[in-house]
Amino acid sequence: MTQQHDFHGDEIDPRLARRIADAAPDRFGAGFTSRVMQRVERERSTSLSAALEKQFLRVIPILAAASLILAAYNWWGARNSSASAIDAMLRLPQATVASAYSTDALFGSAGQPMEQP
């Protein structure tokens, strides 16, 4: 039969308990707080940049695909009315000398003649 020791309660040798209590640290070393705060700040900045990078990598492919779809849609709608494919994708109107000097092209123009004093 094996002998079992129960080290709970009053069976602990008081001298051993005192030695253990004396050997245990009762305060942190000098500079501990500043080291911990530096580490926390470093991890926080690293984790923020990592989170932003993760979200950026997740969103960019979706935005690129949406941009391509919109460019294709614009090109398809204006493919016969534009001078180039880029003008069609951006839905830029054809510019001519007549359209440049027309009053409809002026900002804020309502198509009404100016009053003469």
N, C-alpha and C. Protein backbone atom coordinates (compact mmCIF):
# COMPACT_ATOMS: atom_id res chain seq x y z
N MET A 1 0.84 -1.15 0.00
CA MET A 1 0.00 0.00 0.00
C MET A 1 0.91 1.24 0.00
N THR A 2 0.52 2.23 -0.87
CA THR A 2 1.33 3.43 -0.98
C THR A 2 0.87 4.46 0.03
N GLN A 3 1.81 5.24 0.48
CA GLN A 3 1.49 6.27 1.45
C GLN A 3 1.21 7.59 0.72
N GLN A 4 0.11 8.24 0.98
CA GLN A 4 -0.25 9.50 0.36
C GLN A 4 -0.07 10.63 1.36
N HIS A 5 0.48 11.75 0.85
CA HIS A 5 0.68 12.90 1.71
C HIS A 5 -0.31 13.99 1.34
N ASP A 6 -0.96 14.51 2.31
CA ASP A 6 -1.87 15.63 2.11
C ASP A 6 -1.17 16.88 2.64
N PHE A 7 -0.82 17.80 1.71
CA PHE A 7 -0.09 18.99 2.10
C PHE A 7 -1.01 20.19 2.30
N HIS A 8 -2.26 19.98 2.50
CA HIS A 8 -3.21 21.06 2.76
C HIS A 8 -3.48 21.15 4.25
N GLY A 9 -3.74 22.32 4.67
CA GLY A 9 -4.09 22.48 6.08
C GLY A 9 -2.88 22.76 6.94
N ASP A 10 -2.91 22.23 8.17
CA ASP A 10 -1.87 22.53 9.16
C ASP A 10 -0.68 21.60 9.08
N GLU A 11 -0.66 20.66 8.15
CA GLU A 11 0.41 19.68 8.10
C GLU A 11 1.68 20.24 7.48
N ILE A 12 1.66 21.47 6.93
CA ILE A 12 2.85 22.06 6.33
C ILE A 12 3.77 22.51 7.43
N ASP A 13 5.02 22.21 7.24
CA ASP A 13 6.02 22.62 8.22
C ASP A 13 6.10 24.14 8.22
N PRO A 14 5.98 24.80 9.36
CA PRO A 14 6.00 26.26 9.40
C PRO A 14 7.32 26.85 8.92
N ARG A 15 8.42 26.13 9.14
CA ARG A 15 9.71 26.63 8.66
C ARG A 15 9.76 26.63 7.13
N LEU A 16 9.21 25.57 6.54
CA LEU A 16 9.17 25.48 5.07
C LEU A 16 8.27 26.56 4.49
N ALA A 17 7.14 26.80 5.12
CA ALA A 17 6.22 27.84 4.66
C ALA A 17 6.88 29.21 4.73
N ARG A 18 7.64 29.45 5.79
CA ARG A 18 8.33 30.74 5.94
C ARG A 18 9.41 30.91 4.88
N ARG A 19 10.15 29.85 4.58
CA ARG A 19 11.17 29.92 3.53
C ARG A 19 10.55 30.21 2.16
N ILE A 20 9.44 29.55 1.88
CA ILE A 20 8.75 29.78 0.59
C ILE A 20 8.25 31.22 0.52
N ALA A 21 7.68 31.72 1.61
CA ALA A 21 7.17 33.09 1.63
C ALA A 21 8.30 34.10 1.47
N ASP A 22 9.45 33.81 2.07
CA ASP A 22 10.59 34.73 1.96
C ASP A 22 11.18 34.72 0.55
N ALA A 23 11.12 33.58 -0.12
CA ALA A 23 11.70 33.48 -1.47
C ALA A 23 10.79 34.07 -2.54
N ALA A 24 9.51 34.17 -2.26
CA ALA A 24 8.56 34.69 -3.26
C ALA A 24 8.74 36.20 -3.40
N PRO A 25 8.71 36.71 -4.64
CA PRO A 25 8.84 38.16 -4.82
C PRO A 25 7.60 38.88 -4.29
N ASP A 26 7.82 40.01 -3.65
CA ASP A 26 6.70 40.77 -3.11
C ASP A 26 6.44 42.05 -3.91
N ARG A 27 7.31 42.36 -4.87
CA ARG A 27 7.09 43.52 -5.74
C ARG A 27 7.83 43.27 -7.05
N PHE A 28 7.43 44.04 -8.05
CA PHE A 28 8.08 43.92 -9.35
C PHE A 28 9.39 44.68 -9.34
N GLY A 29 10.27 44.28 -10.26
CA GLY A 29 11.57 44.93 -10.36
C GLY A 29 11.45 46.35 -10.89
N ALA A 30 12.57 47.08 -10.79
CA ALA A 30 12.59 48.47 -11.25
C ALA A 30 12.37 48.53 -12.76
N GLY A 31 11.52 49.45 -13.20
CA GLY A 31 11.25 49.63 -14.63
C GLY A 31 10.24 48.67 -15.22
N PHE A 32 9.66 47.83 -14.39
CA PHE A 32 8.70 46.84 -14.90
C PHE A 32 7.50 47.51 -15.56
N THR A 33 6.96 48.53 -14.93
CA THR A 33 5.77 49.20 -15.45
C THR A 33 6.04 49.83 -16.81
N SER A 34 7.18 50.49 -16.93
CA SER A 34 7.49 51.13 -18.22
C SER A 34 7.71 50.10 -19.31
N ARG A 35 8.34 48.96 -18.98
CA ARG A 35 8.53 47.91 -19.99
C ARG A 35 7.20 47.33 -20.45
N VAL A 36 6.30 47.12 -19.51
CA VAL A 36 4.98 46.58 -19.86
C VAL A 36 4.21 47.56 -20.73
N MET A 37 4.23 48.83 -20.36
CA MET A 37 3.50 49.83 -21.14
C MET A 37 4.09 49.99 -22.54
N GLN A 38 5.41 49.91 -22.67
CA GLN A 38 6.02 49.96 -24.00
C GLN A 38 5.59 48.77 -24.83
N ARG A 39 5.56 47.60 -24.25
CA ARG A 39 5.15 46.40 -24.97
C ARG A 39 3.68 46.48 -25.38
N VAL A 40 2.83 46.95 -24.48
CA VAL A 40 1.41 47.10 -24.81
C VAL A 40 1.22 48.09 -25.95
N GLU A 41 1.93 49.22 -25.90
CA GLU A 41 1.82 50.23 -26.95
C GLU A 41 2.33 49.68 -28.28
N ARG A 42 3.42 48.95 -28.25
CA ARG A 42 3.97 48.36 -29.47
C ARG A 42 3.00 47.34 -30.07
N GLU A 43 2.40 46.50 -29.23
CA GLU A 43 1.44 45.51 -29.71
C GLU A 43 0.19 46.19 -30.24
N ARG A 44 -0.23 47.27 -29.59
CA ARG A 44 -1.43 47.99 -30.05
C ARG A 44 -1.19 48.59 -31.42
N SER A 45 -0.05 49.23 -31.63
CA SER A 45 0.22 49.84 -32.93
C SER A 45 0.40 48.76 -33.99
N THR A 46 1.03 47.66 -33.64
CA THR A 46 1.18 46.56 -34.58
C THR A 46 -0.16 45.95 -34.92
N SER A 47 -1.01 45.77 -33.92
CA SER A 47 -2.30 45.15 -34.18
C SER A 47 -3.20 46.06 -35.00
N LEU A 48 -3.10 47.40 -34.79
CA LEU A 48 -3.91 48.32 -35.59
C LEU A 48 -3.47 48.29 -37.05
N SER A 49 -2.17 48.32 -37.28
CA SER A 49 -1.70 48.29 -38.67
C SER A 49 -2.03 46.94 -39.31
N ALA A 50 -1.94 45.88 -38.56
CA ALA A 50 -2.29 44.56 -39.09
C ALA A 50 -3.78 44.49 -39.43
N ALA A 51 -4.61 45.06 -38.57
CA ALA A 51 -6.06 45.05 -38.84
C ALA A 51 -6.39 45.88 -40.07
N LEU A 52 -5.75 47.05 -40.21
CA LEU A 52 -5.99 47.88 -41.39
C LEU A 52 -5.53 47.18 -42.66
N GLU A 53 -4.38 46.53 -42.59
CA GLU A 53 -3.87 45.81 -43.76
C GLU A 53 -4.80 44.66 -44.13
N LYS A 54 -5.30 43.96 -43.15
CA LYS A 54 -6.23 42.84 -43.40
C LYS A 54 -7.50 43.35 -44.08
N GLN A 55 -8.07 44.45 -43.57
CA GLN A 55 -9.28 44.99 -44.17
C GLN A 55 -9.01 45.54 -45.57
N PHE A 56 -7.86 46.17 -45.76
CA PHE A 56 -7.49 46.68 -47.07
C PHE A 56 -7.41 45.55 -48.08
N LEU A 57 -6.74 44.46 -47.71
CA LEU A 57 -6.61 43.33 -48.61
C LEU A 57 -7.94 42.64 -48.88
N ARG A 58 -8.86 42.75 -47.96
CA ARG A 58 -10.18 42.15 -48.15
C ARG A 58 -11.07 43.00 -49.06
N VAL A 59 -10.95 44.33 -48.98
CA VAL A 59 -11.85 45.23 -49.69
C VAL A 59 -11.36 45.55 -51.10
N ILE A 60 -10.05 45.65 -51.30
CA ILE A 60 -9.50 46.07 -52.60
C ILE A 60 -9.95 45.20 -53.76
N PRO A 61 -9.94 43.88 -53.68
CA PRO A 61 -10.40 43.09 -54.83
C PRO A 61 -11.86 43.38 -55.19
N ILE A 62 -12.68 43.61 -54.19
CA ILE A 62 -14.09 43.91 -54.45
C ILE A 62 -14.22 45.26 -55.15
N LEU A 63 -13.47 46.26 -54.68
CA LEU A 63 -13.52 47.58 -55.30
C LEU A 63 -12.95 47.56 -56.72
N ALA A 64 -11.90 46.79 -56.95
CA ALA A 64 -11.33 46.69 -58.29
C ALA A 64 -12.33 46.03 -59.24
N ALA A 65 -12.99 44.99 -58.80
CA ALA A 65 -13.99 44.33 -59.63
C ALA A 65 -15.16 45.26 -59.93
N ALA A 66 -15.61 46.01 -58.94
CA ALA A 66 -16.71 46.96 -59.15
C ALA A 66 -16.29 48.05 -60.14
N SER A 67 -15.06 48.52 -60.04
CA SER A 67 -14.58 49.54 -60.98
C SER A 67 -14.54 49.01 -62.40
N LEU A 68 -14.08 47.79 -62.56
CA LEU A 68 -14.06 47.19 -63.90
C LEU A 68 -15.46 47.00 -64.46
N ILE A 69 -16.37 46.59 -63.62
CA ILE A 69 -17.76 46.41 -64.08
C ILE A 69 -18.36 47.75 -64.49
N LEU A 70 -18.14 48.80 -63.70
CA LEU A 70 -18.66 50.12 -64.07
C LEU A 70 -18.03 50.65 -65.35
N ALA A 71 -16.74 50.43 -65.53
CA ALA A 71 -16.06 50.88 -66.76
C ALA A 71 -16.62 50.14 -67.97
N ALA A 72 -16.85 48.84 -67.83
CA ALA A 72 -17.42 48.06 -68.94
C ALA A 72 -18.84 48.53 -69.24
N TYR A 73 -19.62 48.81 -68.21
CA TYR A 73 -20.99 49.27 -68.40
C TYR A 73 -21.00 50.63 -69.11
N ASN A 74 -20.13 51.54 -68.67
CA ASN A 74 -20.05 52.84 -69.32
C ASN A 74 -19.59 52.72 -70.77
N TRP A 75 -18.61 51.86 -71.02
CA TRP A 75 -18.13 51.66 -72.38
C TRP A 75 -19.25 51.10 -73.26
N TRP A 76 -20.00 50.15 -72.74
CA TRP A 76 -21.06 49.53 -73.53
C TRP A 76 -22.15 50.56 -73.87
N GLY A 77 -22.48 51.43 -72.95
CA GLY A 77 -23.53 52.41 -73.18
C GLY A 77 -23.10 53.53 -74.12
N ALA A 78 -21.80 53.82 -74.21
CA ALA A 78 -21.35 54.95 -75.02
C ALA A 78 -20.38 54.53 -76.12
N ARG A 79 -20.36 53.25 -76.46
CA ARG A 79 -19.38 52.76 -77.43
C ARG A 79 -19.57 53.34 -78.83
N ASN A 80 -20.79 53.71 -79.21
CA ASN A 80 -21.03 54.24 -80.55
C ASN A 80 -20.98 55.77 -80.61
N SER A 81 -21.01 56.43 -79.45
CA SER A 81 -21.09 57.88 -79.47
C SER A 81 -19.78 58.57 -79.08
N SER A 82 -18.73 57.83 -78.73
CA SER A 82 -17.48 58.43 -78.30
C SER A 82 -16.38 58.18 -79.31
N ALA A 83 -15.38 59.06 -79.28
CA ALA A 83 -14.28 58.96 -80.22
C ALA A 83 -13.32 57.83 -79.85
N SER A 84 -13.15 57.54 -78.57
CA SER A 84 -12.24 56.47 -78.16
C SER A 84 -12.88 55.63 -77.07
N ALA A 85 -12.24 54.49 -76.81
CA ALA A 85 -12.76 53.59 -75.78
C ALA A 85 -12.65 54.24 -74.39
N ILE A 86 -11.60 55.01 -74.15
CA ILE A 86 -11.45 55.67 -72.85
C ILE A 86 -12.55 56.72 -72.65
N ASP A 87 -12.86 57.49 -73.71
CA ASP A 87 -13.95 58.45 -73.60
C ASP A 87 -15.28 57.74 -73.34
N ALA A 88 -15.44 56.57 -73.98
CA ALA A 88 -16.67 55.81 -73.77
C ALA A 88 -16.76 55.29 -72.33
N MET A 89 -15.63 54.80 -71.78
CA MET A 89 -15.64 54.28 -70.41
C MET A 89 -15.91 55.38 -69.39
N LEU A 90 -15.39 56.57 -69.66
CA LEU A 90 -15.58 57.68 -68.73
C LEU A 90 -16.82 58.51 -69.05
N ARG A 91 -17.51 58.15 -70.13
CA ARG A 91 -18.71 58.85 -70.60
C ARG A 91 -18.42 60.33 -70.85
N LEU A 92 -17.28 60.60 -71.47
CA LEU A 92 -16.93 61.98 -71.81
C LEU A 92 -17.61 62.36 -73.11
N PRO A 93 -18.24 63.52 -73.16
CA PRO A 93 -18.87 63.93 -74.42
C PRO A 93 -17.80 64.35 -75.43
N GLN A 94 -18.15 64.21 -76.71
CA GLN A 94 -17.22 64.65 -77.74
C GLN A 94 -17.14 66.17 -77.72
N ALA A 95 -15.92 66.69 -77.72
CA ALA A 95 -15.72 68.13 -77.69
C ALA A 95 -15.41 68.62 -79.10
N THR A 96 -16.16 69.60 -79.52
CA THR A 96 -15.91 70.25 -80.80
C THR A 96 -15.80 71.74 -80.56
N VAL A 97 -15.36 72.47 -81.56
CA VAL A 97 -15.27 73.92 -81.43
C VAL A 97 -16.65 74.50 -81.19
N ALA A 98 -17.64 74.01 -81.89
CA ALA A 98 -19.00 74.51 -81.74
C ALA A 98 -19.54 74.26 -80.33
N SER A 99 -19.27 73.07 -79.79
CA SER A 99 -19.77 72.78 -78.44
C SER A 99 -19.00 73.58 -77.39
N ALA A 100 -17.74 73.90 -77.65
CA ALA A 100 -16.96 74.69 -76.71
C ALA A 100 -17.48 76.12 -76.62
N TYR A 101 -17.93 76.70 -77.75
CA TYR A 101 -18.40 78.09 -77.74
C TYR A 101 -19.90 78.22 -77.55
N SER A 102 -20.61 77.14 -77.42
CA SER A 102 -22.06 77.25 -77.23
C SER A 102 -22.36 77.70 -75.80
N THR A 103 -23.46 78.41 -75.65
CA THR A 103 -23.83 78.93 -74.33
C THR A 103 -24.29 77.81 -73.40
N ASP A 104 -24.71 76.69 -73.93
CA ASP A 104 -25.13 75.57 -73.08
C ASP A 104 -23.95 74.97 -72.33
N ALA A 105 -22.75 75.14 -72.86
CA ALA A 105 -21.57 74.58 -72.22
C ALA A 105 -21.04 75.46 -71.09
N LEU A 106 -21.54 76.68 -70.96
CA LEU A 106 -21.07 77.57 -69.92
C LEU A 106 -21.65 77.18 -68.57
N PHE A 107 -20.87 77.31 -67.54
CA PHE A 107 -21.31 76.96 -66.20
C PHE A 107 -22.40 77.92 -65.74
N GLY A 108 -23.52 77.40 -65.31
CA GLY A 108 -24.60 78.22 -64.80
C GLY A 108 -25.47 78.83 -65.88
N SER A 109 -25.25 78.45 -67.12
CA SER A 109 -26.03 79.02 -68.22
C SER A 109 -27.40 78.37 -68.25
N ALA A 110 -28.42 79.20 -68.37
CA ALA A 110 -29.79 78.70 -68.47
C ALA A 110 -30.31 78.82 -69.89
N GLY A 111 -29.43 79.21 -70.82
CA GLY A 111 -29.87 79.35 -72.20
C GLY A 111 -30.59 80.64 -72.47
N GLN A 112 -30.54 81.60 -71.56
CA GLN A 112 -31.21 82.88 -71.74
C GLN A 112 -30.16 83.93 -72.13
N PRO A 113 -30.51 84.85 -72.98
CA PRO A 113 -29.55 85.88 -73.38
C PRO A 113 -29.27 86.83 -72.21
N MET A 114 -28.06 87.39 -72.23
CA MET A 114 -27.67 88.32 -71.17
C MET A 114 -28.38 89.66 -71.40
N GLU A 115 -28.71 90.34 -70.33
CA GLU A 115 -29.36 91.64 -70.44
C GLU A 115 -28.35 92.70 -70.80
N GLN A 116 -28.75 93.60 -71.66
CA GLN A 116 -27.89 94.72 -72.06
C GLN A 116 -28.31 95.96 -71.29
N PRO A 117 -27.39 96.72 -70.70
CA PRO A 117 -27.81 97.92 -69.95
C PRO A 117 -28.18 99.04 -70.86
